């Protein structure tokens, strides 16, 4: 059995999106930080939209 270099390159190339989705800790980090940042931005926008009392 002879391994061809072309077939070996095909096996070693992993797409970037697959590497991202295969990393559970990165997915956990993204799943916690994205909603947190969105809620903080949403809260700041809500506070900024409250009119100043006379």
PDB file of N, CA and C in Angstrom:
ATOM      1  N   UNK A   1       0.830  -1.180   0.000  1.00  0.00           N
ATOM      2  CA  UNK A   1       0.000   0.000   0.000  1.00  0.00           C
ATOM      3  C   UNK A   1       0.878   1.248   0.000  1.00  0.00           C
ATOM      4  N   UNK A   2       0.747   1.991  -1.031  1.00  0.00           N
ATOM      5  CA  UNK A   2       1.511   3.222  -1.145  1.00  0.00           C
ATOM      6  C   UNK A   2       0.581   4.405  -0.936  1.00  0.00           C
ATOM      7  N   UNK A   3       0.977   5.299  -0.025  1.00  0.00           N
ATOM      8  CA  UNK A   3       0.193   6.505   0.197  1.00  0.00           C
ATOM      9  C   UNK A   3       0.641   7.573  -0.788  1.00  0.00           C
ATOM     10  N   UNK A   4      -0.309   8.114  -1.500  1.00  0.00           N
ATOM     11  CA  UNK A   4       0.001   9.207  -2.414  1.00  0.00           C
ATOM     12  C   UNK A   4      -0.025  10.513  -1.638  1.00  0.00           C
ATOM     13  N   UNK A   5       0.905  11.418  -1.930  1.00  0.00           N
ATOM     14  CA  UNK A   5       0.922  12.702  -1.214  1.00  0.00           C
ATOM     15  C   UNK A   5      -0.355  13.509  -1.445  1.00  0.00           C
ATOM     16  N   UNK A   6      -0.986  13.329  -2.601  1.00  0.00           N
ATOM     17  CA  UNK A   6      -2.208  14.085  -2.879  1.00  0.00           C
ATOM     18  C   UNK A   6      -3.343  13.658  -1.951  1.00  0.00           C
ATOM     19  N   UNK A   7      -3.478  12.360  -1.733  1.00  0.00           N
ATOM     20  CA  UNK A   7      -4.560  11.891  -0.865  1.00  0.00           C
ATOM     21  C   UNK A   7      -4.291  12.267   0.594  1.00  0.00           C
ATOM     22  N   UNK A   8      -3.024  12.330   0.975  1.00  0.00           N
ATOM     23  CA  UNK A   8      -2.681  12.713   2.351  1.00  0.00           C
ATOM     24  C   UNK A   8      -3.017  14.185   2.596  1.00  0.00           C
ATOM     25  N   UNK A   9      -2.772  15.043   1.596  1.00  0.00           N
ATOM     26  CA  UNK A   9      -3.106  16.460   1.735  1.00  0.00           C
ATOM     27  C   UNK A   9      -4.605  16.648   1.876  1.00  0.00           C
ATOM     28  N   UNK A  10      -5.374  15.870   1.158  1.00  0.00           N
ATOM     29  CA  UNK A  10      -6.830  15.982   1.243  1.00  0.00           C
ATOM     30  C   UNK A  10      -7.322  15.594   2.633  1.00  0.00           C
ATOM     31  N   UNK A  11      -6.696  14.631   3.250  1.00  0.00           N
ATOM     32  CA  UNK A  11      -7.118  14.185   4.577  1.00  0.00           C
ATOM     33  C   UNK A  11      -6.734  15.211   5.641  1.00  0.00           C
ATOM     34  N   UNK A  12      -5.625  15.905   5.490  1.00  0.00           N
ATOM     35  CA  UNK A  12      -5.141  16.825   6.513  1.00  0.00           C
ATOM     36  C   UNK A  12      -5.833  18.180   6.460  1.00  0.00           C
ATOM     37  N   UNK A  13      -6.381  18.576   5.312  1.00  0.00           N
ATOM     38  CA  UNK A  13      -7.036  19.868   5.204  1.00  0.00           C
ATOM     39  C   UNK A  13      -8.408  19.795   5.873  1.00  0.00           C
ATOM     40  N   UNK A  14      -8.581  20.596   6.915  1.00  0.00           N
ATOM     41  CA  UNK A  14      -9.866  20.680   7.597  1.00  0.00           C
ATOM     42  C   UNK A  14     -10.356  22.116   7.458  1.00  0.00           C
ATOM     43  N   UNK A  15     -11.577  22.305   6.987  1.00  0.00           N
ATOM     44  CA  UNK A  15     -12.088  23.668   6.819  1.00  0.00           C
ATOM     45  C   UNK A  15     -12.144  24.418   8.146  1.00  0.00           C
ATOM     46  N   UNK A  16     -12.007  25.736   8.065  1.00  0.00           N
ATOM     47  CA  UNK A  16     -11.973  26.572   9.269  1.00  0.00           C
ATOM     48  C   UNK A  16     -13.289  26.478  10.047  1.00  0.00           C
ATOM     49  N   UNK A  17     -14.416  26.447   9.343  1.00  0.00           N
ATOM     50  CA  UNK A  17     -15.709  26.382  10.033  1.00  0.00           C
ATOM     51  C   UNK A  17     -15.866  25.063  10.781  1.00  0.00           C
ATOM     52  N   UNK A  18     -15.346  23.980  10.226  1.00  0.00           N
ATOM     53  CA  UNK A  18     -15.414  22.693  10.909  1.00  0.00           C
ATOM     54  C   UNK A  18     -14.541  22.707  12.159  1.00  0.00           C
ATOM     55  N   UNK A  19     -13.380  23.331  12.096  1.00  0.00           N
ATOM     56  CA  UNK A  19     -12.531  23.433  13.280  1.00  0.00           C
ATOM     57  C   UNK A  19     -13.227  24.235  14.362  1.00  0.00           C
ATOM     58  N   UNK A  20     -13.933  25.300  13.971  1.00  0.00           N
ATOM     59  CA  UNK A  20     -14.667  26.115  14.935  1.00  0.00           C
ATOM     60  C   UNK A  20     -15.783  25.296  15.583  1.00  0.00           C
ATOM     61  N   UNK A  21     -16.531  24.567  14.792  1.00  0.00           N
ATOM     62  CA  UNK A  21     -17.669  23.813  15.308  1.00  0.00           C
ATOM     63  C   UNK A  21     -17.242  22.560  16.069  1.00  0.00           C
ATOM     64  N   UNK A  22     -16.015  22.102  15.876  1.00  0.00           N
ATOM     65  CA  UNK A  22     -15.524  20.924  16.593  1.00  0.00           C
ATOM     66  C   UNK A  22     -14.940  21.271  17.953  1.00  0.00           C
ATOM     67  N   UNK A  23     -14.795  22.554  18.273  1.00  0.00           N
ATOM     68  CA  UNK A  23     -14.191  22.963  19.536  1.00  0.00           C
ATOM     69  C   UNK A  23     -15.290  23.340  20.531  1.00  0.00           C
ATOM     70  N   UNK A  24     -15.609  22.458  21.490  1.00  0.00           N
ATOM     71  CA  UNK A  24     -16.735  22.742  22.396  1.00  0.00           C
ATOM     72  C   UNK A  24     -16.481  23.925  23.323  1.00  0.00           C
ATOM     73  N   UNK A  25     -15.232  24.161  23.721  1.00  0.00           N
ATOM     74  CA  UNK A  25     -14.965  25.278  24.622  1.00  0.00           C
ATOM     75  C   UNK A  25     -15.112  26.612  23.902  1.00  0.00           C
ATOM     76  N   UNK A  26     -14.719  26.662  22.642  1.00  0.00           N
ATOM     77  CA  UNK A  26     -14.910  27.878  21.862  1.00  0.00           C
ATOM     78  C   UNK A  26     -16.394  28.139  21.640  1.00  0.00           C
ATOM     79  N   UNK A  27     -17.165  27.090  21.377  1.00  0.00           N
ATOM     80  CA  UNK A  27     -18.607  27.251  21.218  1.00  0.00           C
ATOM     81  C   UNK A  27     -19.250  27.719  22.521  1.00  0.00           C
ATOM     82  N   UNK A  28     -18.792  27.202  23.645  1.00  0.00           N
ATOM     83  CA  UNK A  28     -19.307  27.643  24.941  1.00  0.00           C
ATOM     84  C   UNK A  28     -18.994  29.115  25.169  1.00  0.00           C
ATOM     85  N   UNK A  29     -17.760  29.511  24.871  1.00  0.00           N
ATOM     86  CA  UNK A  29     -17.355  30.906  25.028  1.00  0.00           C
ATOM     87  C   UNK A  29     -18.196  31.823  24.147  1.00  0.00           C
ATOM     88  N   UNK A  30     -18.380  31.445  22.889  1.00  0.00           N
ATOM     89  CA  UNK A  30     -19.178  32.265  21.972  1.00  0.00           C
ATOM     90  C   UNK A  30     -20.636  32.298  22.422  1.00  0.00           C
ATOM     91  N   UNK A  31     -21.145  31.166  22.889  1.00  0.00           N
ATOM     92  CA  UNK A  31     -22.538  31.087  23.317  1.00  0.00           C
ATOM     93  C   UNK A  31     -22.832  31.890  24.567  1.00  0.00           C
ATOM     94  N   UNK A  32     -21.826  32.176  25.363  1.00  0.00           N
ATOM     95  CA  UNK A  32     -22.031  32.987  26.563  1.00  0.00           C
ATOM     96  C   UNK A  32     -21.750  34.466  26.275  1.00  0.00           C
ATOM     97  N   UNK A  33     -20.702  34.751  25.524  1.00  0.00           N
ATOM     98  CA  UNK A  33     -20.322  36.152  25.320  1.00  0.00           C
ATOM     99  C   UNK A  33     -21.243  36.894  24.355  1.00  0.00           C
ATOM    100  N   UNK A  34     -21.693  36.253  23.287  1.00  0.00           N
ATOM    101  CA  UNK A  34     -22.530  36.955  22.313  1.00  0.00           C
ATOM    102  C   UNK A  34     -23.847  37.414  22.943  1.00  0.00           C
ATOM    103  N   UNK A  35     -24.611  36.545  23.626  1.00  0.00           N
ATOM    104  CA  UNK A  35     -25.840  37.044  24.261  1.00  0.00           C
ATOM    105  C   UNK A  35     -25.562  38.088  25.345  1.00  0.00           C
ATOM    106  N   UNK A  36     -24.478  37.921  26.087  1.00  0.00           N
ATOM    107  CA  UNK A  36     -24.144  38.891  27.130  1.00  0.00           C
ATOM    108  C   UNK A  36     -23.886  40.262  26.533  1.00  0.00           C
ATOM    109  N   UNK A  37     -23.090  40.319  25.489  1.00  0.00           N
ATOM    110  CA  UNK A  37     -22.797  41.597  24.844  1.00  0.00           C
ATOM    111  C   UNK A  37     -24.068  42.202  24.248  1.00  0.00           C
ATOM    112  N   UNK A  38     -24.896  41.374  23.626  1.00  0.00           N
ATOM    113  CA  UNK A  38     -26.131  41.892  23.038  1.00  0.00           C
ATOM    114  C   UNK A  38     -27.071  42.449  24.106  1.00  0.00           C
ATOM    115  N   UNK A  39     -27.202  41.766  25.244  1.00  0.00           N
ATOM    116  CA  UNK A  39     -28.065  42.269  26.307  1.00  0.00           C
ATOM    117  C   UNK A  39     -27.511  43.546  26.925  1.00  0.00           C
ATOM    118  N   UNK A  40     -26.206  43.647  27.043  1.00  0.00           N
ATOM    119  CA  UNK A  40     -25.606  44.877  27.578  1.00  0.00           C
ATOM    120  C   UNK A  40     -25.873  46.037  26.624  1.00  0.00           C
ATOM    121  N   UNK A  41     -25.663  45.824  25.334  1.00  0.00           N
ATOM    122  CA  UNK A  41     -25.912  46.879  24.340  1.00  0.00           C
ATOM    123  C   UNK A  41     -27.391  47.260  24.347  1.00  0.00           C
ATOM    124  N   UNK A  42     -28.267  46.265  24.414  1.00  0.00           N
ATOM    125  CA  UNK A  42     -29.704  46.515  24.440  1.00  0.00           C
ATOM    126  C   UNK A  42     -30.070  47.331  25.687  1.00  0.00           C
ATOM    127  N   UNK A  43     -29.521  46.983  26.826  1.00  0.00           N
ATOM    128  CA  UNK A  43     -29.793  47.712  28.056  1.00  0.00           C
ATOM    129  C   UNK A  43     -29.300  49.146  28.003  1.00  0.00           C
ATOM    130  N   UNK A  44     -28.124  49.363  27.452  1.00  0.00           N
ATOM    131  CA  UNK A  44     -27.596  50.726  27.328  1.00  0.00           C
ATOM    132  C   UNK A  44     -28.476  51.545  26.390  1.00  0.00           C
ATOM    133  N   UNK A  45     -28.944  50.939  25.310  1.00  0.00           N
ATOM    134  CA  UNK A  45     -29.832  51.647  24.388  1.00  0.00           C
ATOM    135  C   UNK A  45     -31.161  51.999  25.070  1.00  0.00           C
ATOM    136  N   UNK A  46     -31.692  51.089  25.880  1.00  0.00           N
ATOM    137  CA  UNK A  46     -32.944  51.366  26.595  1.00  0.00           C
ATOM    138  C   UNK A  46     -32.756  52.497  27.591  1.00  0.00           C
ATOM    139  N   UNK A  47     -31.664  52.488  28.336  1.00  0.00           N
ATOM    140  CA  UNK A  47     -31.403  53.540  29.317  1.00  0.00           C
ATOM    141  C   UNK A  47     -31.191  54.879  28.618  1.00  0.00           C
ATOM    142  N   UNK A  48     -30.499  54.864  27.485  1.00  0.00           N
ATOM    143  CA  UNK A  48     -30.251  56.106  26.748  1.00  0.00           C
ATOM    144  C   UNK A  48     -31.528  56.673  26.139  1.00  0.00           C
ATOM    145  N   UNK A  49     -32.510  55.836  25.895  1.00  0.00           N
ATOM    146  CA  UNK A  49     -33.741  56.326  25.251  1.00  0.00           C
ATOM    147  C   UNK A  49     -34.747  56.884  26.265  1.00  0.00           C
ATOM    148  N   UNK A  50     -34.490  56.747  27.562  1.00  0.00           N
ATOM    149  CA  UNK A  50     -35.388  57.296  28.577  1.00  0.00           C
ATOM    150  C   UNK A  50     -35.206  58.803  28.604  1.00  0.00           C
ATOM    151  N   UNK A  51     -36.300  59.544  28.470  1.00  0.00           N
ATOM    152  CA  UNK A  51     -36.159  61.012  28.487  1.00  0.00           C
ATOM    153  C   UNK A  51     -35.798  61.519  29.880  1.00  0.00           C
ATOM    154  N   UNK A  52     -35.092  62.625  29.894  1.00  0.00           N
ATOM    155  CA  UNK A  52     -34.673  63.229  31.161  1.00  0.00           C
ATOM    156  C   UNK A  52     -35.877  63.907  31.803  1.00  0.00           C
ATOM    157  N   UNK A  53     -36.072  63.687  33.090  1.00  0.00           N
ATOM    158  CA  UNK A  53     -37.213  64.300  33.805  1.00  0.00           C
ATOM    159  C   UNK A  53     -37.013  65.808  33.936  1.00  0.00           C
ATOM    160  N   UNK A  54     -38.092  66.571  33.798  1.00  0.00           N
ATOM    161  CA  UNK A  54     -37.966  68.038  33.908  1.00  0.00           C
ATOM    162  C   UNK A  54     -37.708  68.484  35.328  1.00  0.00           C
TER     163      UNK A  54
END
